[in-house]
PDB file of all heavy atoms in Angstrom:
ATOM      1  N   LEU A   1     147.044 171.596  14.820  1.00  0.00           N
ATOM      2  CA  LEU A   1     148.502 171.499  14.931  1.00  0.00           C
ATOM      3  C   LEU A   1     149.143 172.394  13.873  1.00  0.00           C
ATOM      4  O   LEU A   1     149.821 171.922  12.958  1.00  0.00           O
ATOM      5  CB  LEU A   1     148.934 170.040  14.765  1.00  0.00           C
ATOM      6  CG  LEU A   1     148.299 169.066  15.763  1.00  0.00           C
ATOM      7  CD1 LEU A   1     148.526 167.628  15.330  1.00  0.00           C
ATOM      8  CD2 LEU A   1     148.834 169.311  17.160  1.00  0.00           C
ATOM      9  N   THR A   2     148.949 173.690  13.984  1.00  0.00           N
ATOM     10  CA  THR A   2     149.339 174.626  12.935  1.00  0.00           C
ATOM     11  C   THR A   2     150.848 174.794  12.771  1.00  0.00           C
ATOM     12  O   THR A   2     151.304 175.204  11.711  1.00  0.00           O
ATOM     13  CB  THR A   2     148.693 176.001  13.167  1.00  0.00           C
ATOM     14  OG1 THR A   2     149.041 176.469  14.475  1.00  0.00           O
ATOM     15  CG2 THR A   2     147.174 175.919  13.042  1.00  0.00           C
ATOM     16  N   SER A   3     151.644 174.477  13.794  1.00  0.00           N
ATOM     17  CA  SER A   3     153.102 174.600  13.684  1.00  0.00           C
ATOM     18  C   SER A   3     153.773 173.255  13.426  1.00  0.00           C
ATOM     19  O   SER A   3     154.977 173.192  13.218  1.00  0.00           O
ATOM     20  CB  SER A   3     153.683 175.211  14.968  1.00  0.00           C
ATOM     21  OG  SER A   3     153.198 176.517  15.158  1.00  0.00           O
ATOM     22  N   ALA A   4     153.004 172.187  13.450  1.00  0.00           N
ATOM     23  CA  ALA A   4     153.558 170.845  13.250  1.00  0.00           C
ATOM     24  C   ALA A   4     153.559 170.485  11.767  1.00  0.00           C
ATOM     25  O   ALA A   4     152.807 171.039  10.974  1.00  0.00           O
ATOM     26  CB  ALA A   4     152.733 169.823  14.029  1.00  0.00           C
ATOM     27  N   ARG A   5     154.403 169.548  11.423  1.00  0.00           N
ATOM     28  CA  ARG A   5     154.415 168.983  10.072  1.00  0.00           C
ATOM     29  C   ARG A   5     153.569 167.707  10.119  1.00  0.00           C
ATOM     30  O   ARG A   5     154.041 166.654  10.532  1.00  0.00           O
ATOM     31  CB  ARG A   5     155.846 168.689   9.640  1.00  0.00           C
ATOM     32  CG  ARG A   5     156.669 169.951   9.454  1.00  0.00           C
ATOM     33  CD  ARG A   5     158.100 169.685   9.005  1.00  0.00           C
ATOM     34  NE  ARG A   5     158.812 168.644   9.744  1.00  0.00           N
ATOM     35  CZ  ARG A   5     159.447 168.826  10.915  1.00  0.00           C
ATOM     36  NH1 ARG A   5     159.438 169.998  11.493  1.00  0.00           N
ATOM     37  NH2 ARG A   5     160.069 167.836  11.501  1.00  0.00           N
ATOM     38  N   VAL A   6     152.315 167.842   9.706  1.00  0.00           N
ATOM     39  CA  VAL A   6     151.353 166.747   9.847  1.00  0.00           C
ATOM     40  C   VAL A   6     151.290 165.922   8.573  1.00  0.00           C
ATOM     41  O   VAL A   6     151.124 166.454   7.478  1.00  0.00           O
ATOM     42  CB  VAL A   6     149.943 167.281  10.192  1.00  0.00           C
ATOM     43  CG1 VAL A   6     148.942 166.143  10.291  1.00  0.00           C
ATOM     44  CG2 VAL A   6     149.979 168.078  11.495  1.00  0.00           C
ATOM     45  N   THR A   7     151.421 164.613   8.746  1.00  0.00           N
ATOM     46  CA  THR A   7     151.180 163.656   7.675  1.00  0.00           C
ATOM     47  C   THR A   7     149.874 162.962   8.025  1.00  0.00           C
ATOM     48  O   THR A   7     149.735 162.406   9.117  1.00  0.00           O
ATOM     49  CB  THR A   7     152.316 162.613   7.591  1.00  0.00           C
ATOM     50  OG1 THR A   7     153.549 163.280   7.356  1.00  0.00           O
ATOM     51  CG2 THR A   7     152.046 161.601   6.496  1.00  0.00           C
ATOM     52  N   TYR A   8     148.912 163.022   7.133  1.00  0.00           N
ATOM     53  CA  TYR A   8     147.594 162.429   7.372  1.00  0.00           C
ATOM     54  C   TYR A   8     147.484 161.136   6.590  1.00  0.00           C
ATOM     55  O   TYR A   8     147.884 161.068   5.423  1.00  0.00           O
ATOM     56  CB  TYR A   8     146.498 163.409   6.951  1.00  0.00           C
ATOM     57  CG  TYR A   8     145.117 162.866   7.143  1.00  0.00           C
ATOM     58  CD1 TYR A   8     144.512 162.897   8.390  1.00  0.00           C
ATOM     59  CD2 TYR A   8     144.423 162.298   6.087  1.00  0.00           C
ATOM     60  CE1 TYR A   8     143.241 162.376   8.579  1.00  0.00           C
ATOM     61  CE2 TYR A   8     143.159 161.781   6.267  1.00  0.00           C
ATOM     62  CZ  TYR A   8     142.575 161.824   7.503  1.00  0.00           C
ATOM     63  OH  TYR A   8     141.318 161.307   7.685  1.00  0.00           O
ATOM     64  N   TRP A   9     146.940 160.095   7.219  1.00  0.00           N
ATOM     65  CA  TRP A   9     146.800 158.798   6.564  1.00  0.00           C
ATOM     66  C   TRP A   9     145.516 158.136   7.018  1.00  0.00           C
ATOM     67  O   TRP A   9     145.183 158.154   8.199  1.00  0.00           O
ATOM     68  CB  TRP A   9     148.001 157.922   6.896  1.00  0.00           C
ATOM     69  CG  TRP A   9     147.992 156.569   6.264  1.00  0.00           C
ATOM     70  CD1 TRP A   9     147.834 156.279   4.941  1.00  0.00           C
ATOM     71  CD2 TRP A   9     148.157 155.326   6.926  1.00  0.00           C
ATOM     72  NE1 TRP A   9     147.906 154.920   4.738  1.00  0.00           N
ATOM     73  CE2 TRP A   9     148.097 154.307   5.955  1.00  0.00           C
ATOM     74  CE3 TRP A   9     148.349 154.967   8.256  1.00  0.00           C
ATOM     75  CZ2 TRP A   9     148.231 152.972   6.259  1.00  0.00           C
ATOM     76  CZ3 TRP A   9     148.481 153.628   8.560  1.00  0.00           C
ATOM     77  CH2 TRP A   9     148.418 152.641   7.569  1.00  0.00           C
ATOM     78  N   GLU A  10     144.765 157.578   6.078  1.00  0.00           N
ATOM     79  CA  GLU A  10     143.576 156.795   6.408  1.00  0.00           C
ATOM     80  C   GLU A  10     143.912 155.321   6.266  1.00  0.00           C
ATOM     81  O   GLU A  10     144.323 154.869   5.206  1.00  0.00           O
ATOM     82  CB  GLU A  10     142.404 157.156   5.489  1.00  0.00           C
ATOM     83  CG  GLU A  10     141.768 158.465   5.863  1.00  0.00           C
ATOM     84  CD  GLU A  10     140.475 158.715   5.118  1.00  0.00           C
ATOM     85  OE1 GLU A  10     139.760 157.753   4.764  1.00  0.00           O
ATOM     86  OE2 GLU A  10     140.179 159.897   4.883  1.00  0.00           O
ATOM     87  N   LEU A  11     143.737 154.594   7.351  1.00  0.00           N
ATOM     88  CA  LEU A  11     144.026 153.168   7.404  1.00  0.00           C
ATOM     89  C   LEU A  11     142.770 152.384   7.052  1.00  0.00           C
ATOM     90  O   LEU A  11     141.721 152.562   7.670  1.00  0.00           O
ATOM     91  CB  LEU A  11     144.500 152.794   8.813  1.00  0.00           C
ATOM     92  CG  LEU A  11     144.631 151.318   9.150  1.00  0.00           C
ATOM     93  CD1 LEU A  11     145.687 150.659   8.263  1.00  0.00           C
ATOM     94  CD2 LEU A  11     144.981 151.140  10.623  1.00  0.00           C
ATOM     95  N   ALA A  12     142.883 151.540   6.045  1.00  0.00           N
ATOM     96  CA  ALA A  12     141.790 150.637   5.684  1.00  0.00           C
ATOM     97  C   ALA A  12     142.120 149.273   6.278  1.00  0.00           C
ATOM     98  O   ALA A  12     143.146 148.686   5.958  1.00  0.00           O
ATOM     99  CB  ALA A  12     141.646 150.538   4.170  1.00  0.00           C
ATOM    100  N   LEU A  13     141.277 148.810   7.191  1.00  0.00           N
ATOM    101  CA  LEU A  13     141.513 147.529   7.835  1.00  0.00           C
ATOM    102  C   LEU A  13     141.148 146.389   6.910  1.00  0.00           C
ATOM    103  O   LEU A  13     140.284 146.520   6.051  1.00  0.00           O
ATOM    104  CB  LEU A  13     140.697 147.427   9.126  1.00  0.00           C
ATOM    105  CG  LEU A  13     141.017 148.476  10.188  1.00  0.00           C
ATOM    106  CD1 LEU A  13     140.053 148.355  11.353  1.00  0.00           C
ATOM    107  CD2 LEU A  13     142.447 148.344  10.661  1.00  0.00           C
ATOM    108  N   GLY A  14     141.792 145.269   7.124  1.00  0.00           N
ATOM    109  CA  GLY A  14     141.513 144.081   6.326  1.00  0.00           C
ATOM    110  C   GLY A  14     140.156 143.479   6.664  1.00  0.00           C
ATOM    111  O   GLY A  14     139.521 143.838   7.657  1.00  0.00           O
ATOM    112  N   GLY A  15     139.716 142.565   5.866  1.00  0.00           N
ATOM    113  CA  GLY A  15     138.416 141.921   6.051  1.00  0.00           C
ATOM    114  C   GLY A  15     138.313 141.099   7.318  1.00  0.00           C
ATOM    115  O   GLY A  15     137.227 140.790   7.775  1.00  0.00           O
ATOM    116  N   SER A  16     139.458 140.757   7.929  1.00  0.00           N
ATOM    117  CA  SER A  16     139.421 139.952   9.144  1.00  0.00           C
ATOM    118  C   SER A  16     139.131 140.781  10.389  1.00  0.00           C
ATOM    119  O   SER A  16     138.888 140.237  11.457  1.00  0.00           O
ATOM    120  CB  SER A  16     140.761 139.227   9.330  1.00  0.00           C
ATOM    121  OG  SER A  16     141.802 140.177   9.510  1.00  0.00           O
ATOM    122  N   ALA A  17     139.141 142.108  10.251  1.00  0.00           N
ATOM    123  CA  ALA A  17     138.880 142.984  11.405  1.00  0.00           C
ATOM    124  C   ALA A  17     137.413 142.868  11.799  1.00  0.00           C
ATOM    125  O   ALA A  17     136.529 143.009  10.971  1.00  0.00           O
ATOM    126  CB  ALA A  17     139.229 144.423  11.063  1.00  0.00           C
ATOM    127  N   THR A  18     137.178 142.590  13.063  1.00  0.00           N
ATOM    128  CA  THR A  18     135.804 142.443  13.549  1.00  0.00           C
ATOM    129  C   THR A  18     135.546 143.428  14.686  1.00  0.00           C
ATOM    130  O   THR A  18     136.465 143.967  15.275  1.00  0.00           O
ATOM    131  CB  THR A  18     135.553 141.017  14.069  1.00  0.00           C
ATOM    132  OG1 THR A  18     136.473 140.758  15.133  1.00  0.00           O
ATOM    133  CG2 THR A  18     135.739 139.997  12.965  1.00  0.00           C
ATOM    134  N   GLY A  19     134.291 143.641  14.984  1.00  0.00           N
ATOM    135  CA  GLY A  19     133.917 144.526  16.077  1.00  0.00           C
ATOM    136  C   GLY A  19     134.033 145.983  15.685  1.00  0.00           C
ATOM    137  O   GLY A  19     134.062 146.336  14.507  1.00  0.00           O
ATOM    138  N   SER A  20     134.125 146.827  16.687  1.00  0.00           N
ATOM    139  CA  SER A  20     134.229 148.263  16.470  1.00  0.00           C
ATOM    140  C   SER A  20     135.486 148.614  15.700  1.00  0.00           C
ATOM    141  O   SER A  20     136.578 148.184  16.054  1.00  0.00           O
ATOM    142  CB  SER A  20     134.242 148.984  17.823  1.00  0.00           C
ATOM    143  OG  SER A  20     134.623 150.334  17.660  1.00  0.00           O
ATOM    144  N   ARG A  21     135.353 149.392  14.641  1.00  0.00           N
ATOM    145  CA  ARG A  21     136.511 149.836  13.866  1.00  0.00           C
ATOM    146  C   ARG A  21     137.459 150.671  14.719  1.00  0.00           C
ATOM    147  O   ARG A  21     138.640 150.747  14.450  1.00  0.00           O
ATOM    148  CB  ARG A  21     136.065 150.656  12.652  1.00  0.00           C
ATOM    149  CG  ARG A  21     135.427 149.836  11.572  1.00  0.00           C
ATOM    150  CD  ARG A  21     136.479 148.971  10.978  1.00  0.00           C
ATOM    151  NE  ARG A  21     136.106 148.478   9.670  1.00  0.00           N
ATOM    152  CZ  ARG A  21     136.445 147.273   9.246  1.00  0.00           C
ATOM    153  NH1 ARG A  21     137.114 146.470  10.018  1.00  0.00           N
ATOM    154  NH2 ARG A  21     136.111 146.884   8.042  1.00  0.00           N
ATOM    155  N   HIS A  22     136.929 151.309  15.759  1.00  0.00           N
ATOM    156  CA  HIS A  22     137.746 152.167  16.608  1.00  0.00           C
ATOM    157  C   HIS A  22     138.847 151.356  17.308  1.00  0.00           C
ATOM    158  O   HIS A  22     139.930 151.864  17.564  1.00  0.00           O
ATOM    159  CB  HIS A  22     136.866 152.871  17.635  1.00  0.00           C
ATOM    160  CG  HIS A  22     137.569 153.958  18.377  1.00  0.00           C
ATOM    161  ND1 HIS A  22     138.002 155.113  17.771  1.00  0.00           N
ATOM    162  CD2 HIS A  22     137.920 154.067  19.684  1.00  0.00           C
ATOM    163  CE1 HIS A  22     138.593 155.888  18.672  1.00  0.00           C
ATOM    164  NE2 HIS A  22     138.550 155.278  19.841  1.00  0.00           N
ATOM    165  N   TYR A  23     138.561 150.099  17.614  1.00  0.00           N
ATOM    166  CA  TYR A  23     139.537 149.251  18.300  1.00  0.00           C
ATOM    167  C   TYR A  23     140.085 148.123  17.434  1.00  0.00           C
ATOM    168  O   TYR A  23     141.049 147.462  17.822  1.00  0.00           O
ATOM    169  CB  TYR A  23     138.905 148.653  19.560  1.00  0.00           C
ATOM    170  CG  TYR A  23     138.440 149.708  20.527  1.00  0.00           C
ATOM    171  CD1 TYR A  23     137.086 149.973  20.689  1.00  0.00           C
ATOM    172  CD2 TYR A  23     139.348 150.461  21.254  1.00  0.00           C
ATOM    173  CE1 TYR A  23     136.653 150.960  21.571  1.00  0.00           C
ATOM    174  CE2 TYR A  23     138.933 151.448  22.132  1.00  0.00           C
ATOM    175  CZ  TYR A  23     137.580 151.690  22.285  1.00  0.00           C
ATOM    176  OH  TYR A  23     137.162 152.653  23.141  1.00  0.00           O
ATOM    177  N   ALA A  24     139.496 147.881  16.292  1.00  0.00           N
ATOM    178  CA  ALA A  24     139.891 146.748  15.454  1.00  0.00           C
ATOM    179  C   ALA A  24     141.328 146.850  14.959  1.00  0.00           C
ATOM    180  O   ALA A  24     141.965 145.836  14.688  1.00  0.00           O
ATOM    181  CB  ALA A  24     138.934 146.608  14.269  1.00  0.00           C
ATOM    182  N   TRP A  25     141.877 148.052  14.854  1.00  0.00           N
ATOM    183  CA  TRP A  25     143.256 148.202  14.379  1.00  0.00           C
ATOM    184  C   TRP A  25     144.244 147.503  15.313  1.00  0.00           C
ATOM    185  O   TRP A  25     145.347 147.151  14.895  1.00  0.00           O
ATOM    186  CB  TRP A  25     143.617 149.678  14.221  1.00  0.00           C
ATOM    187  CG  TRP A  25     143.611 150.461  15.500  1.00  0.00           C
ATOM    188  CD1 TRP A  25     142.563 151.162  16.023  1.00  0.00           C
ATOM    189  CD2 TRP A  25     144.689 150.633  16.406  1.00  0.00           C
ATOM    190  NE1 TRP A  25     142.922 151.754  17.204  1.00  0.00           N
ATOM    191  CE2 TRP A  25     144.237 151.446  17.471  1.00  0.00           C
ATOM    192  CE3 TRP A  25     146.013 150.188  16.439  1.00  0.00           C
ATOM    193  CZ2 TRP A  25     145.041 151.806  18.545  1.00  0.00           C
ATOM    194  CZ3 TRP A  25     146.816 150.550  17.508  1.00  0.00           C
ATOM    195  CH2 TRP A  25     146.334 151.348  18.542  1.00  0.00           C
TER     196      TRP A  25
END
């Protein structure tokens, strides 16, 4: 996305998140 203004963020899920991290959010 070279022309976009990208904000990057890594989300750390809480301890209650179970199963695949891909869907736990």
